[in-house]
């Protein structure tokens, strides 16, 4: 789940900054010390789909496409599970 959330943060930040800066942002989000040191806090691990939902929402707000709306619905639904 860490890799999925890191990918979502990378994609989201890539819309606003250069690729190296987005990679650093994704890595910081993925390997943040609190998340790595305390794996017993499952609520912190269960945010894998949230950055992707925000990314698809940003894409949908930029250019309204049915595909992005469907992906928002899917990612929010998976996040709620």
N, C-alpha and C. Protein backbone atom coordinates (compact mmCIF):
# COMPACT_ATOMS: atom_id res chain seq x y z
N UNK A 1 0.82 -1.19 0.00
CA UNK A 1 0.00 0.00 0.00
C UNK A 1 0.87 1.25 0.00
N UNK A 2 2.09 1.16 0.55
CA UNK A 2 2.98 2.33 0.56
C UNK A 2 3.34 2.75 -0.86
N UNK A 3 3.64 1.79 -1.69
CA UNK A 3 4.02 2.11 -3.07
C UNK A 3 2.89 2.76 -3.84
N UNK A 4 1.68 2.31 -3.60
CA UNK A 4 0.52 2.89 -4.27
C UNK A 4 0.30 4.33 -3.85
N UNK A 5 0.43 4.62 -2.59
CA UNK A 5 0.26 6.00 -2.13
C UNK A 5 1.41 6.88 -2.62
N UNK A 6 2.61 6.35 -2.68
CA UNK A 6 3.74 7.10 -3.21
C UNK A 6 3.57 7.43 -4.69
N UNK A 7 3.03 6.47 -5.44
CA UNK A 7 2.75 6.70 -6.86
C UNK A 7 1.70 7.79 -7.02
N UNK A 8 0.67 7.76 -6.19
CA UNK A 8 -0.37 8.78 -6.26
C UNK A 8 0.17 10.17 -5.96
N UNK A 9 1.02 10.28 -4.95
CA UNK A 9 1.61 11.58 -4.62
C UNK A 9 2.54 12.03 -5.74
N UNK A 10 3.30 11.10 -6.32
CA UNK A 10 4.16 11.45 -7.45
C UNK A 10 3.34 12.00 -8.61
N UNK A 11 2.26 11.32 -8.98
CA UNK A 11 1.44 11.78 -10.09
C UNK A 11 0.81 13.13 -9.79
N UNK A 12 0.35 13.30 -8.56
CA UNK A 12 -0.28 14.57 -8.19
C UNK A 12 0.72 15.72 -8.21
N UNK A 13 1.88 15.52 -7.62
CA UNK A 13 2.87 16.60 -7.59
C UNK A 13 3.49 16.83 -8.96
N UNK A 14 3.51 15.82 -9.80
CA UNK A 14 4.06 15.97 -11.15
C UNK A 14 3.25 16.96 -11.98
N UNK A 15 2.00 17.15 -11.65
CA UNK A 15 1.17 18.13 -12.36
C UNK A 15 1.61 19.56 -12.08
N UNK A 16 2.33 19.78 -10.98
CA UNK A 16 2.68 21.13 -10.56
C UNK A 16 4.17 21.43 -10.56
N UNK A 17 5.01 20.40 -10.43
CA UNK A 17 6.46 20.62 -10.34
C UNK A 17 7.17 19.68 -11.31
N UNK A 18 8.49 19.80 -11.39
CA UNK A 18 9.27 18.95 -12.28
C UNK A 18 9.31 17.50 -11.79
N UNK A 19 9.74 16.61 -12.66
CA UNK A 19 9.76 15.19 -12.32
C UNK A 19 10.67 14.86 -11.13
N UNK A 20 11.89 15.41 -11.05
CA UNK A 20 12.72 15.09 -9.88
C UNK A 20 12.09 15.54 -8.56
N UNK A 21 11.49 16.73 -8.56
CA UNK A 21 10.84 17.22 -7.34
C UNK A 21 9.63 16.36 -6.99
N UNK A 22 8.89 15.92 -8.00
CA UNK A 22 7.74 15.04 -7.75
C UNK A 22 8.20 13.70 -7.20
N UNK A 23 9.31 13.19 -7.70
CA UNK A 23 9.86 11.93 -7.20
C UNK A 23 10.25 12.06 -5.73
N UNK A 24 10.87 13.18 -5.38
CA UNK A 24 11.23 13.41 -3.98
C UNK A 24 9.97 13.48 -3.11
N UNK A 25 8.94 14.15 -3.59
CA UNK A 25 7.69 14.23 -2.84
C UNK A 25 7.06 12.87 -2.63
N UNK A 26 7.05 12.05 -3.68
CA UNK A 26 6.50 10.70 -3.56
C UNK A 26 7.30 9.84 -2.60
N UNK A 27 8.62 9.97 -2.66
CA UNK A 27 9.47 9.20 -1.75
C UNK A 27 9.29 9.65 -0.30
N UNK A 28 9.19 10.95 -0.07
CA UNK A 28 8.98 11.44 1.29
C UNK A 28 7.65 10.97 1.85
N UNK A 29 6.62 10.98 1.02
CA UNK A 29 5.32 10.51 1.48
C UNK A 29 5.34 9.01 1.76
N UNK A 30 6.02 8.26 0.92
CA UNK A 30 6.06 6.81 1.07
C UNK A 30 6.88 6.38 2.28
N UNK A 31 8.05 6.97 2.45
CA UNK A 31 8.97 6.53 3.49
C UNK A 31 9.07 7.52 4.65
N UNK A 32 7.98 8.21 4.94
CA UNK A 32 7.96 9.13 6.08
C UNK A 32 8.24 8.33 7.34
N UNK A 33 9.16 8.80 8.19
CA UNK A 33 9.59 7.98 9.34
C UNK A 33 8.46 7.49 10.24
N UNK A 34 7.46 8.31 10.47
CA UNK A 34 6.37 7.88 11.34
C UNK A 34 5.63 6.69 10.75
N UNK A 35 5.45 6.68 9.44
CA UNK A 35 4.75 5.57 8.78
C UNK A 35 5.59 4.31 8.81
N UNK A 36 6.89 4.45 8.66
CA UNK A 36 7.77 3.28 8.62
C UNK A 36 8.03 2.72 10.01
N UNK A 37 8.20 3.59 11.01
CA UNK A 37 8.55 3.15 12.35
C UNK A 37 7.39 2.56 13.13
N UNK A 38 6.17 2.93 12.79
CA UNK A 38 5.00 2.48 13.53
C UNK A 38 4.02 1.74 12.63
N UNK A 39 4.41 0.57 12.15
CA UNK A 39 3.50 -0.16 11.25
C UNK A 39 2.24 -0.68 11.94
N UNK A 40 2.19 -0.63 13.26
CA UNK A 40 1.02 -1.09 13.97
C UNK A 40 -0.17 -0.15 13.84
N UNK A 41 0.09 1.06 13.38
CA UNK A 41 -0.99 2.02 13.19
C UNK A 41 -1.57 1.84 11.79
N UNK A 42 -2.51 0.93 11.70
CA UNK A 42 -3.03 0.56 10.39
C UNK A 42 -3.79 1.68 9.70
N UNK A 43 -4.33 2.60 10.47
CA UNK A 43 -5.04 3.71 9.85
C UNK A 43 -4.09 4.58 9.03
N UNK A 44 -2.81 4.59 9.37
CA UNK A 44 -1.84 5.36 8.60
C UNK A 44 -1.46 4.64 7.31
N UNK A 45 -1.62 3.35 7.29
CA UNK A 45 -1.28 2.58 6.10
C UNK A 45 -2.44 2.52 5.11
N UNK A 46 -3.62 2.86 5.54
CA UNK A 46 -4.81 2.69 4.73
C UNK A 46 -5.16 3.93 3.92
N UNK A 47 -4.15 4.66 3.47
CA UNK A 47 -4.41 5.84 2.66
C UNK A 47 -3.88 5.68 1.24
N UNK A 48 -3.79 4.47 0.77
CA UNK A 48 -3.19 4.22 -0.53
C UNK A 48 -3.94 4.82 -1.70
N UNK A 49 -5.24 4.85 -1.62
CA UNK A 49 -6.03 5.34 -2.74
C UNK A 49 -6.34 6.82 -2.63
N UNK A 50 -6.12 7.43 -1.49
CA UNK A 50 -6.48 8.84 -1.31
C UNK A 50 -5.69 9.78 -2.22
N UNK A 51 -4.37 9.67 -2.35
CA UNK A 51 -3.67 10.55 -3.29
C UNK A 51 -4.12 10.34 -4.73
N UNK A 52 -4.44 9.11 -5.09
CA UNK A 52 -4.93 8.87 -6.44
C UNK A 52 -6.30 9.52 -6.66
N UNK A 53 -7.15 9.49 -5.65
CA UNK A 53 -8.46 10.14 -5.77
C UNK A 53 -8.30 11.64 -5.95
N UNK A 54 -7.37 12.25 -5.21
CA UNK A 54 -7.13 13.68 -5.35
C UNK A 54 -6.54 13.97 -6.74
N UNK A 55 -5.66 13.12 -7.21
CA UNK A 55 -5.07 13.28 -8.55
C UNK A 55 -6.14 13.23 -9.64
N UNK A 56 -7.02 12.25 -9.58
CA UNK A 56 -8.07 12.14 -10.60
C UNK A 56 -9.07 13.29 -10.48
N UNK A 57 -9.31 13.78 -9.27
CA UNK A 57 -10.18 14.93 -9.10
C UNK A 57 -9.55 16.17 -9.73
N UNK A 58 -8.26 16.35 -9.55
CA UNK A 58 -7.55 17.46 -10.17
C UNK A 58 -7.62 17.38 -11.69
N UNK A 59 -7.41 16.18 -12.22
CA UNK A 59 -7.51 16.01 -13.67
C UNK A 59 -8.92 16.29 -14.17
N UNK A 60 -9.91 15.84 -13.42
CA UNK A 60 -11.29 16.06 -13.84
C UNK A 60 -11.66 17.54 -13.79
N UNK A 61 -11.18 18.27 -12.79
CA UNK A 61 -11.44 19.70 -12.70
C UNK A 61 -10.74 20.47 -13.81
N UNK A 62 -9.59 19.97 -14.25
CA UNK A 62 -8.84 20.61 -15.32
C UNK A 62 -9.53 20.42 -16.67
N UNK A 63 -9.93 19.21 -16.95
CA UNK A 63 -10.58 18.88 -18.22
C UNK A 63 -11.62 17.80 -17.94
N UNK A 64 -12.87 18.15 -18.02
CA UNK A 64 -13.95 17.24 -17.63
C UNK A 64 -14.01 16.06 -18.62
N UNK A 65 -13.71 14.88 -18.09
CA UNK A 65 -13.78 13.65 -18.88
C UNK A 65 -14.49 12.58 -18.06
N UNK A 66 -15.28 11.79 -18.73
CA UNK A 66 -16.02 10.73 -18.04
C UNK A 66 -15.09 9.70 -17.41
N UNK A 67 -13.97 9.44 -18.07
CA UNK A 67 -13.02 8.46 -17.55
C UNK A 67 -12.48 8.89 -16.19
N UNK A 68 -12.14 10.18 -16.06
CA UNK A 68 -11.64 10.68 -14.78
C UNK A 68 -12.71 10.62 -13.71
N UNK A 69 -13.95 10.92 -14.07
CA UNK A 69 -15.05 10.84 -13.10
C UNK A 69 -15.23 9.40 -12.62
N UNK A 70 -15.11 8.44 -13.54
CA UNK A 70 -15.22 7.03 -13.15
C UNK A 70 -14.06 6.63 -12.24
N UNK A 71 -12.86 7.11 -12.54
CA UNK A 71 -11.70 6.77 -11.71
C UNK A 71 -11.80 7.42 -10.33
N UNK A 72 -12.37 8.61 -10.25
CA UNK A 72 -12.62 9.23 -8.93
C UNK A 72 -13.54 8.34 -8.12
N UNK A 73 -14.60 7.87 -8.74
CA UNK A 73 -15.57 7.03 -8.06
C UNK A 73 -14.92 5.73 -7.58
N UNK A 74 -14.12 5.12 -8.43
CA UNK A 74 -13.47 3.85 -8.08
C UNK A 74 -12.47 4.05 -6.94
N UNK A 75 -11.63 5.08 -7.04
CA UNK A 75 -10.62 5.28 -6.00
C UNK A 75 -11.24 5.68 -4.66
N UNK A 76 -12.27 6.52 -4.68
CA UNK A 76 -12.94 6.85 -3.43
C UNK A 76 -13.63 5.62 -2.84
N UNK A 77 -14.22 4.81 -3.70
CA UNK A 77 -14.87 3.58 -3.21
C UNK A 77 -13.87 2.63 -2.59
N UNK A 78 -12.71 2.45 -3.24
CA UNK A 78 -11.68 1.57 -2.68
C UNK A 78 -11.11 2.15 -1.38
N UNK A 79 -11.00 3.47 -1.30
CA UNK A 79 -10.51 4.09 -0.08
C UNK A 79 -11.48 3.89 1.06
N UNK A 80 -12.77 3.90 0.76
CA UNK A 80 -13.76 3.69 1.82
C UNK A 80 -13.78 2.27 2.36
N UNK A 81 -13.32 1.32 1.54
CA UNK A 81 -13.27 -0.07 2.01
C UNK A 81 -12.23 -0.22 3.09
